[in-house]
Amino acid sequence: MAPHRRPDRMVAAPDRVQELLIEAACSRRRFLVASAAGTAGTFVLAGTPAGAVMTVGQPSTKTNLVVQPTPSMYFISRGSGSIEMKWGPVREYGDTVPSDRFYIHNRARSPRIDRRTWRLKLTGDAITRPRSFTYEDLLALPQVTLRRTLDCGANCAAFFPRLPPSGSDGQWLPVGWTQWHFGAVGAAEWTGVRARDVLAAAGADRPVDVKFTGLDDIPYPSGNVHYSQVIPADKVLKDDTLLVYRMNGSDLPADHGYPLRLLTSGWGANTAVKWLGEIEASTSRIPASGPQANQLLIGPDYPQPIRPTVGRVRSAFEIDEDAQGIEPGDITLHGRAWSGAGAIDRVDVAVEKLVAPGRWVSEVPWRAAKLLSTPEPLMWVRFEMPWPGVKAGQYRVMSRARDEAGNIQPRPEDVKWNQHSLGYNGHAPLNVVVLPGSDMP
């Protein structure tokens, strides 16, 4: 399984290097997109009745689901409501991403909410004192601030192949809507109250499941729904599961859940429900509904569907995918690595060079990068590695992170394929074109 289509041409002779490298730089974006799964089309899902057909395509982009400006200098649109962070500017940010540069995933337009009249309802048979909380009620509870990385469960979805290794006859095709590359992730300082303190104030008694429901209004085949997530109570009651009302020291922006959102530290960002309006605590299991019902690992390697929770170990370079070439000479590669299972304790980097059609040779073998910040649980770490004396050519750079729990990014061919394009974390190579100095714009 190759995460990207190999280029059609290569650097082969000195007298052609300028022409071919410029072509490679201009085609990098096509190179990355060519392997992205999920293009509109019609196909048969395995397990559907004979003759049943499902048509999948991108949602309509006629309605702008995002409130804040998203300049192309910092963002890439992956469809209506799906705004990915560009990695080039990340070096400017320090440990956290400014709130107005953070990636956005909205399934509906941010609702207009007046926090003076907004209420958070606490319901369910595990609640012995059903009640509503005002914004001021929440501010009166003990305040907690955490630094956490928020990583979309479908981040890197574009790097899944169109067909899994065991697929045949077009039966298995990823159907995830958003073809994210590396940028559906960010880190911030989150401030709020512990979910357990809010539940305790409502008299929660031995809950099993807790359902968090937002105030957004999502068009759905069965009718409009509010986004919701059912979270096991043992996760909800942990110290670092928060109801967040501030991001990076200020009120939550509209696109990030104002006035209140959920933060389930270490779990995929799909669980971090925005624009919270209701919390239902139940003494029995609550079935998933709406979009959560499809957030499952399904495929030939999954005999039974699995609902992913803990974010996988991932890493990325602070390089824009559409960069138009890098100068030769001494280069330092910078990047970040993160995991939902714990702190990152090691990052390795490797570089390969294209020397013939389809033939890559090792330029820099796997070696440990320098960690630039102190690793901390559930927060990304910055890293760098010197790459001296780089000559013109076409390269691919790879990073491979390891967390303190022993999880290591796998080879792309070892990532288990799934129907909904969730959880890809192979050390997908990023194409880098180094142009001769005289050709730099």
Protein backbone atom coordinates (compact mmCIF):
# COMPACT_ATOMS: atom_id res chain seq x y z
CA MET A 1 0.00 0.00 0.00
CA ALA A 2 1.53 3.31 -1.02
CA PRO A 3 0.10 6.43 0.57
CA HIS A 4 0.84 8.57 -2.48
CA ARG A 5 1.05 8.00 -6.23
CA ARG A 6 4.66 8.05 -7.39
CA PRO A 7 5.50 10.90 -9.77
CA ASP A 8 5.43 10.23 -13.48
CA ARG A 9 8.87 11.73 -14.04
CA MET A 10 12.07 11.90 -12.06
CA VAL A 11 15.42 13.62 -11.79
CA ALA A 12 17.56 11.59 -14.20
CA ALA A 13 20.24 13.75 -15.77
CA PRO A 14 22.01 17.01 -14.88
CA ASP A 15 20.97 18.77 -18.10
CA ARG A 16 17.30 18.13 -17.33
CA VAL A 17 17.30 18.79 -13.58
CA GLN A 18 15.83 22.31 -13.84
CA GLU A 19 12.90 21.29 -16.05
CA LEU A 20 12.02 18.21 -14.04
CA LEU A 21 12.35 19.78 -10.59
CA ILE A 22 10.12 22.71 -11.52
CA GLU A 23 7.57 20.24 -12.90
CA ALA A 24 7.80 18.21 -9.69
CA ALA A 25 7.22 21.28 -7.54
CA CYS A 26 4.15 22.27 -9.53
CA SER A 27 2.74 18.76 -9.42
CA ARG A 28 3.28 18.08 -5.70
CA ARG A 29 -0.27 18.91 -4.86
CA ARG A 30 -1.59 16.55 -7.54
CA PHE A 31 0.86 13.94 -6.23
CA LEU A 32 -0.64 14.11 -2.74
CA VAL A 33 -4.25 14.34 -3.82
CA ALA A 34 -4.10 11.56 -6.41
CA SER A 35 -4.19 8.85 -3.74
CA ALA A 36 -6.89 10.50 -1.63
CA ALA A 37 -9.89 8.24 -1.20
CA GLY A 38 -13.51 9.22 -1.15
CA THR A 39 -14.10 10.86 -4.52
CA ALA A 40 -17.75 11.09 -5.45
CA GLY A 41 -19.11 7.95 -6.99
CA THR A 42 -21.46 4.99 -6.71
CA PHE A 43 -20.45 1.68 -5.20
CA VAL A 44 -21.77 -1.33 -3.35
CA LEU A 45 -20.98 -1.68 0.32
CA ALA A 46 -20.04 -5.13 1.51
CA GLY A 47 -22.90 -6.53 3.52
CA THR A 48 -25.64 -4.58 1.73
CA PRO A 49 -28.50 -6.48 0.07
CA ALA A 50 -27.93 -7.59 -3.50
CA GLY A 51 -28.61 -4.74 -5.86
CA ALA A 52 -28.47 -2.11 -3.13
CA VAL A 53 -26.39 0.90 -4.13
CA MET A 54 -25.10 3.80 -2.04
CA THR A 55 -24.00 7.05 -3.62
CA VAL A 56 -21.39 9.05 -1.80
CA GLY A 57 -20.16 12.56 -2.55
CA GLN A 58 -18.99 15.72 -0.89
CA PRO A 59 -21.65 17.69 0.99
CA SER A 60 -22.93 20.82 -0.67
CA THR A 61 -20.62 23.81 -0.33
CA LYS A 62 -23.35 26.38 -0.99
CA THR A 63 -23.79 27.10 2.71
CA ASN A 64 -20.81 28.49 4.57
CA LEU A 65 -20.70 26.56 7.83
CA VAL A 66 -17.74 28.48 9.26
CA VAL A 67 -18.10 31.88 10.93
CA GLN A 68 -14.51 33.06 11.28
CA PRO A 69 -12.23 34.14 8.40
CA THR A 70 -10.02 31.32 7.09
CA PRO A 71 -7.33 32.91 4.91
CA SER A 72 -5.55 30.58 2.49
CA MET A 73 -2.21 31.56 4.02
CA TYR A 74 -3.12 29.48 7.07
CA PHE A 75 -5.88 27.09 5.99
CA ILE A 76 -6.94 24.61 3.32
CA SER A 77 -10.65 23.92 2.77
CA ARG A 78 -11.55 20.24 2.60
CA GLY A 79 -15.22 20.91 1.95
CA SER A 80 -17.99 22.89 3.56
CA GLY A 81 -17.29 23.19 7.28
CA SER A 82 -13.95 21.32 7.07
CA ILE A 83 -11.04 23.73 7.36
CA GLU A 84 -7.59 22.18 7.72
CA MET A 85 -4.57 23.87 9.28
CA LYS A 86 -1.56 24.45 7.03
CA TRP A 87 1.64 23.12 8.57
CA GLY A 88 4.09 25.68 7.21
CA PRO A 89 3.09 28.50 9.61
CA VAL A 90 2.99 26.18 12.64
CA ARG A 91 6.63 26.98 13.47
CA GLU A 92 5.46 30.49 14.41
CA TYR A 93 2.99 29.27 17.02
CA GLY A 94 4.99 27.93 19.94
CA ASP A 95 3.43 25.05 21.87
CA THR A 96 -0.20 26.03 21.22
CA VAL A 97 -2.08 27.11 18.10
CA PRO A 98 -3.80 30.52 18.20
CA SER A 99 -7.57 30.09 18.34
CA ASP A 100 -8.07 31.79 14.98
CA ARG A 101 -5.59 29.40 13.31
CA PHE A 102 -7.00 26.19 14.80
CA TYR A 103 -8.53 23.68 12.38
CA ILE A 104 -12.35 23.62 12.18
CA HIS A 105 -14.81 20.81 11.58
CA ASN A 106 -18.43 21.95 11.61
CA ARG A 107 -21.26 19.72 10.44
CA ALA A 108 -23.66 22.65 10.66
CA ARG A 109 -23.24 26.39 10.93
CA SER A 110 -22.27 27.59 14.40
CA PRO A 111 -25.52 28.40 16.25
CA ARG A 112 -25.97 31.92 17.57
CA ILE A 113 -26.11 31.60 21.34
CA ASP A 114 -26.61 34.30 23.97
CA ARG A 115 -24.93 32.96 27.08
CA ARG A 116 -27.14 35.15 29.28
CA THR A 117 -30.15 33.02 28.33
CA TRP A 118 -28.28 29.78 27.47
CA ARG A 119 -28.78 26.83 29.80
CA LEU A 120 -27.09 23.45 30.18
CA LYS A 121 -29.68 20.79 31.03
CA LEU A 122 -28.82 17.77 33.19
CA THR A 123 -31.22 14.86 32.58
CA GLY A 124 -31.39 11.06 32.74
CA ASP A 125 -32.32 8.40 35.25
CA ALA A 126 -28.88 8.60 36.92
CA ILE A 127 -29.55 12.24 37.85
CA THR A 128 -31.28 12.50 41.22
CA ARG A 129 -31.61 16.30 41.11
CA PRO A 130 -32.37 17.24 37.49
CA ARG A 131 -31.48 20.86 36.87
CA SER A 132 -30.14 23.43 34.44
CA PHE A 133 -26.89 25.36 34.79
CA THR A 134 -26.39 28.94 33.76
CA TYR A 135 -23.03 30.12 32.49
CA GLU A 136 -22.45 31.83 35.85
CA ASP A 137 -23.25 28.57 37.67
CA LEU A 138 -20.39 26.90 35.81
CA LEU A 139 -18.00 29.75 36.54
CA ALA A 140 -18.73 29.27 40.25
CA LEU A 141 -17.43 25.68 40.16
CA PRO A 142 -13.72 24.85 40.60
CA GLN A 143 -11.84 25.93 37.48
CA VAL A 144 -9.33 23.71 35.69
CA THR A 145 -6.87 24.60 32.91
CA LEU A 146 -5.15 21.94 30.79
CA ARG A 147 -2.91 21.94 27.74
CA ARG A 148 -4.13 19.28 25.35
CA THR A 149 -3.78 18.30 21.71
CA LEU A 150 -7.10 17.90 19.91
CA ASP A 151 -6.77 15.49 16.98
CA CYS A 152 -9.61 14.56 14.63
CA GLY A 153 -10.17 10.81 14.49
CA ALA A 154 -10.26 11.09 10.69
CA ASN A 155 -7.04 13.10 10.45
CA CYS A 156 -4.87 11.79 7.55
CA ALA A 157 -7.92 10.05 6.02
CA ALA A 158 -6.72 10.96 2.52
CA PHE A 159 -3.78 8.59 2.83
CA PHE A 160 -5.87 5.43 2.99
CA PRO A 161 -5.81 3.62 -0.36
CA ARG A 162 -8.88 3.47 -2.56
CA LEU A 163 -8.89 -0.28 -2.07
CA PRO A 164 -7.58 -2.22 0.93
CA PRO A 165 -5.09 -5.05 0.37
CA SER A 166 -7.83 -7.68 0.76
CA GLY A 167 -10.47 -5.82 -1.22
CA SER A 168 -11.74 -6.86 -4.64
CA ASP A 169 -14.37 -5.94 -7.20
CA GLY A 170 -14.70 -2.42 -5.84
CA GLN A 171 -16.66 -3.61 -2.82
CA TRP A 172 -14.63 -1.78 -0.22
CA LEU A 173 -14.12 1.95 -0.67
CA PRO A 174 -13.59 4.54 2.06
CA VAL A 175 -16.71 6.64 2.53
CA GLY A 176 -15.45 9.30 4.92
CA TRP A 177 -16.67 12.71 3.81
CA THR A 178 -13.61 14.77 4.61
CA GLN A 179 -10.30 13.89 3.01
CA TRP A 180 -8.07 15.41 5.66
CA HIS A 181 -4.30 15.41 5.13
CA PHE A 182 -2.11 16.13 8.18
CA GLY A 183 -3.79 19.29 9.49
CA ALA A 184 -6.95 18.25 11.35
CA VAL A 185 -5.13 18.69 14.65
CA GLY A 186 -4.11 21.47 17.02
CA ALA A 187 -3.07 22.10 20.60
CA ALA A 188 -4.50 24.72 22.94
CA GLU A 189 -4.89 25.72 26.56
CA TRP A 190 -8.40 24.72 27.63
CA THR A 191 -10.17 26.11 30.70
CA GLY A 192 -13.40 24.88 32.20
CA VAL A 193 -14.89 22.68 34.91
CA ARG A 194 -14.64 18.96 35.47
CA ALA A 195 -17.59 17.10 34.01
CA ARG A 196 -17.76 15.05 37.19
CA ASP A 197 -18.26 18.21 39.30
CA VAL A 198 -21.24 19.22 37.17
CA LEU A 199 -22.71 15.71 37.40
CA ALA A 200 -22.17 15.67 41.15
CA ALA A 201 -23.98 19.00 41.51
CA ALA A 202 -26.98 17.35 39.83
CA GLY A 203 -26.82 14.31 42.10
CA ALA A 204 -25.51 11.79 39.59
CA ASP A 205 -25.77 8.30 41.05
CA ARG A 206 -23.79 5.44 39.47
CA PRO A 207 -24.10 6.46 35.81
CA VAL A 208 -23.06 3.94 33.16
CA ASP A 209 -23.20 6.09 30.03
CA VAL A 210 -23.35 9.85 29.59
CA LYS A 211 -24.70 11.48 26.43
CA PHE A 212 -23.54 14.96 25.46
CA THR A 213 -25.70 16.82 22.94
CA GLY A 214 -24.94 20.03 21.10
CA LEU A 215 -27.23 22.81 19.93
CA ASP A 216 -26.20 22.65 16.28
CA ASP A 217 -28.77 21.58 13.70
CA ILE A 218 -27.32 19.02 11.25
CA PRO A 219 -29.14 17.93 8.07
CA TYR A 220 -29.37 14.15 8.18
CA PRO A 221 -31.14 11.54 6.01
CA SER A 222 -33.69 10.86 8.74
CA GLY A 223 -34.19 14.56 9.50
CA ASN A 224 -32.16 17.24 11.24
CA VAL A 225 -30.27 16.10 14.33
CA HIS A 226 -28.12 17.65 17.04
CA TYR A 227 -24.57 16.31 17.18
CA SER A 228 -24.12 14.00 20.16
CA GLN A 229 -21.65 11.58 21.70
CA VAL A 230 -22.27 8.79 24.19
CA ILE A 231 -19.24 8.44 26.48
CA PRO A 232 -18.77 5.70 29.11
CA ALA A 233 -19.11 7.16 32.60
CA ASP A 234 -15.66 5.99 33.70
CA LYS A 235 -14.12 8.30 31.07
CA VAL A 236 -16.49 11.16 31.89
CA LEU A 237 -15.59 11.03 35.58
CA LYS A 238 -11.84 11.32 35.04
CA ASP A 239 -10.01 14.40 36.31
CA ASP A 240 -9.12 15.59 32.80
CA THR A 241 -12.57 15.35 31.18
CA LEU A 242 -13.71 18.96 31.10
CA LEU A 243 -16.62 21.13 30.10
CA VAL A 244 -14.62 23.90 28.46
CA TYR A 245 -15.60 27.57 28.25
CA ARG A 246 -12.24 29.17 27.43
CA MET A 247 -9.64 28.44 24.76
CA ASN A 248 -6.18 29.98 25.07
CA GLY A 249 -7.40 32.28 27.83
CA SER A 250 -10.42 33.74 26.01
CA ASP A 251 -14.04 32.75 25.51
CA LEU A 252 -14.47 29.84 23.11
CA PRO A 253 -14.77 31.13 19.52
CA ALA A 254 -18.10 30.42 17.82
CA ASP A 255 -16.58 27.78 15.52
CA HIS A 256 -15.05 25.98 18.49
CA GLY A 257 -18.21 25.55 20.54
CA TYR A 258 -19.13 28.81 22.29
CA PRO A 259 -20.21 28.95 25.04
CA LEU A 260 -19.37 25.38 26.16
CA ARG A 261 -17.83 22.24 24.70
CA LEU A 262 -16.64 18.85 25.91
CA LEU A 263 -12.96 17.87 26.15
CA THR A 264 -12.25 14.15 26.57
CA SER A 265 -8.48 14.26 26.99
CA GLY A 266 -6.64 11.86 24.70
CA TRP A 267 -9.71 10.75 22.76
CA GLY A 268 -10.47 11.67 19.17
CA ALA A 269 -11.85 15.17 18.64
CA ASN A 270 -15.11 13.71 17.32
CA THR A 271 -16.00 13.16 20.99
CA ALA A 272 -15.41 16.83 21.89
CA VAL A 273 -19.01 17.95 21.38
CA LYS A 274 -19.41 21.67 20.72
CA TRP A 275 -22.19 24.12 21.67
CA LEU A 276 -23.30 21.87 24.53
CA GLY A 277 -26.95 22.09 25.50
CA GLU A 278 -27.76 18.86 27.34
CA ILE A 279 -26.07 16.12 29.32
CA GLU A 280 -27.99 12.88 29.90
CA ALA A 281 -26.62 10.46 32.50
CA SER A 282 -28.05 6.95 32.37
CA THR A 283 -27.82 3.88 34.59
CA SER A 284 -27.85 1.73 31.43
CA ARG A 285 -26.19 1.80 28.04
CA ILE A 286 -27.29 4.52 25.62
CA PRO A 287 -27.22 3.63 21.91
CA ALA A 288 -25.19 5.88 19.63
CA SER A 289 -27.20 8.01 17.23
CA GLY A 290 -26.64 10.50 14.44
CA PRO A 291 -23.07 10.77 13.12
CA GLN A 292 -21.66 8.79 16.05
CA ALA A 293 -23.44 5.68 14.79
CA ASN A 294 -21.04 5.63 11.81
CA GLN A 295 -17.85 6.40 13.72
CA LEU A 296 -16.77 2.78 13.68
CA LEU A 297 -13.83 0.72 12.47
CA ILE A 298 -15.36 -1.66 9.95
CA GLY A 299 -13.57 -3.69 7.32
CA PRO A 300 -12.01 -7.05 6.43
CA ASP A 301 -9.57 -6.76 9.37
CA TYR A 302 -12.37 -6.06 11.87
CA PRO A 303 -14.58 -9.13 12.49
CA GLN A 304 -16.68 -6.94 14.78
CA PRO A 305 -17.12 -3.17 14.52
CA ILE A 306 -14.93 -1.21 16.95
CA ARG A 307 -15.63 2.29 18.19
CA PRO A 308 -12.27 4.13 18.29
CA THR A 309 -11.55 6.26 21.33
CA VAL A 310 -7.88 6.93 22.21
CA GLY A 311 -6.10 9.03 19.61
CA ARG A 312 -3.32 7.27 17.73
CA VAL A 313 0.32 8.30 17.72
CA ARG A 314 1.00 10.66 14.80
CA SER A 315 3.55 13.20 13.60
CA ALA A 316 3.94 15.80 10.85
CA PHE A 317 6.56 18.15 9.44
CA GLU A 318 6.16 21.90 9.59
CA ILE A 319 6.15 22.11 5.80
CA ASP A 320 3.24 23.13 3.58
CA GLU A 321 2.27 20.44 1.10
CA ASP A 322 1.95 23.07 -1.64
CA ALA A 323 5.34 24.69 -1.00
CA GLN A 324 7.03 25.53 -4.28
CA GLY A 325 10.50 24.20 -3.53
CA ILE A 326 13.23 24.50 -0.91
CA GLU A 327 16.73 25.96 -1.33
CA PRO A 328 19.66 23.55 -1.32
CA GLY A 329 22.27 23.66 1.41
CA ASP A 330 22.01 22.98 5.13
CA ILE A 331 18.37 22.32 6.05
CA THR A 332 16.79 21.64 9.42
CA LEU A 333 13.58 19.64 9.40
CA HIS A 334 11.03 20.68 12.03
CA GLY A 335 7.87 18.92 13.10
CA ARG A 336 5.52 17.88 15.89
CA ALA A 337 4.40 14.54 17.27
CA TRP A 338 1.48 13.62 19.52
CA SER A 339 -0.53 10.73 20.91
CA GLY A 340 -3.74 10.20 22.84
CA ALA A 341 -2.12 7.45 24.90
CA GLY A 342 0.54 9.52 26.64
CA ALA A 343 3.58 11.73 26.18
CA ILE A 344 5.84 11.33 23.14
CA ASP A 345 9.25 10.01 24.16
CA ARG A 346 10.99 9.59 20.78
CA VAL A 347 10.75 10.73 17.16
CA ASP A 348 12.82 9.28 14.33
CA VAL A 349 13.26 10.91 10.93
CA ALA A 350 14.33 9.45 7.59
CA VAL A 351 14.85 10.91 4.11
CA GLU A 352 14.82 9.13 0.75
CA LYS A 353 15.78 10.46 -2.69
CA LEU A 354 14.25 9.64 -6.05
CA VAL A 355 17.01 8.40 -8.36
CA ALA A 356 15.06 6.58 -11.08
CA PRO A 357 11.42 5.89 -11.95
CA GLY A 358 9.87 4.37 -8.84
CA ARG A 359 13.26 3.93 -7.20
CA TRP A 360 13.96 5.67 -3.91
CA VAL A 361 17.24 5.31 -2.07
CA SER A 362 18.02 6.21 1.50
CA GLU A 363 19.51 9.67 1.86
CA VAL A 364 19.25 9.85 5.65
CA PRO A 365 18.55 6.55 7.46
CA TRP A 366 16.17 6.52 10.40
CA ARG A 367 17.74 8.50 13.24
CA ALA A 368 16.49 10.13 16.42
CA ALA A 369 15.36 13.74 16.16
CA LYS A 370 15.94 16.27 18.94
CA LEU A 371 12.87 16.97 21.06
CA LEU A 372 12.57 20.75 21.51
CA SER A 373 10.02 20.82 24.30
CA THR A 374 9.58 18.73 27.41
CA PRO A 375 7.20 15.86 26.65
CA GLU A 376 3.97 16.02 28.61
CA PRO A 377 0.91 13.75 28.58
CA LEU A 378 -1.54 14.27 25.72
CA MET A 379 0.30 17.33 24.41
CA TRP A 380 2.31 17.39 21.21
CA VAL A 381 6.06 17.79 21.30
CA ARG A 382 8.19 19.78 18.84
CA PHE A 383 11.21 18.15 17.20
CA GLU A 384 13.97 18.98 14.75
CA MET A 385 16.68 17.19 12.79
CA PRO A 386 19.55 18.72 10.80
CA TRP A 387 19.83 17.70 7.14
CA PRO A 388 23.14 19.14 5.97
CA GLY A 389 24.48 19.62 2.44
CA VAL A 390 21.21 18.99 0.61
CA LYS A 391 21.51 19.03 -3.18
CA ALA A 392 18.84 19.68 -5.78
CA GLY A 393 16.51 16.76 -6.26
CA GLN A 394 13.22 15.17 -5.30
CA TYR A 395 12.99 13.70 -1.82
CA ARG A 396 10.49 12.28 0.57
CA VAL A 397 10.75 12.86 4.30
CA MET A 398 9.22 10.65 6.96
CA SER A 399 8.78 10.94 10.71
CA ARG A 400 7.99 8.08 13.08
CA ALA A 401 6.90 8.89 16.64
CA ARG A 402 6.74 6.71 19.74
CA ASP A 403 4.77 7.42 22.91
CA GLU A 404 5.48 6.42 26.50
CA ALA A 405 2.95 3.58 26.23
CA GLY A 406 5.14 1.98 23.54
CA ASN A 407 2.93 2.82 20.55
CA ILE A 408 4.95 3.49 17.37
CA GLN A 409 3.72 4.85 14.07
CA PRO A 410 3.50 1.89 11.69
CA ARG A 411 4.64 1.62 8.09
CA PRO A 412 1.90 2.81 5.71
CA GLU A 413 1.43 -0.73 4.41
CA ASP A 414 0.80 -2.00 7.95
CA VAL A 415 -2.11 0.34 8.72
CA LYS A 416 -5.38 -1.58 8.92
CA TRP A 417 -7.86 -0.26 6.40
CA ASN A 418 -11.40 0.62 7.52
CA GLN A 419 -14.59 1.63 5.78
CA HIS A 420 -14.84 5.10 7.35
CA SER A 421 -11.20 6.17 6.89
CA LEU A 422 -10.57 6.58 10.62
CA GLY A 423 -7.30 6.44 12.51
CA TYR A 424 -4.70 6.49 9.72
CA ASN A 425 -1.28 7.03 11.32
CA GLY A 426 1.31 5.48 9.05
CA HIS A 427 4.50 7.48 8.65
CA ALA A 428 3.23 8.75 5.30
CA PRO A 429 6.07 10.30 3.29
CA LEU A 430 5.87 13.97 2.37
CA ASN A 431 7.36 14.97 -0.99
CA VAL A 432 10.00 17.69 -0.80
CA VAL A 433 11.46 19.30 -3.92
CA VAL A 434 14.84 20.99 -3.56
CA LEU A 435 15.38 23.35 -6.49
CA PRO A 436 18.72 24.63 -7.75
CA GLY A 437 19.46 27.97 -6.10
CA SER A 438 19.23 29.86 -9.42
CA ASP A 439 15.67 28.63 -9.92
CA MET A 440 14.30 29.90 -6.61
CA PRO A 441 11.65 32.62 -7.18
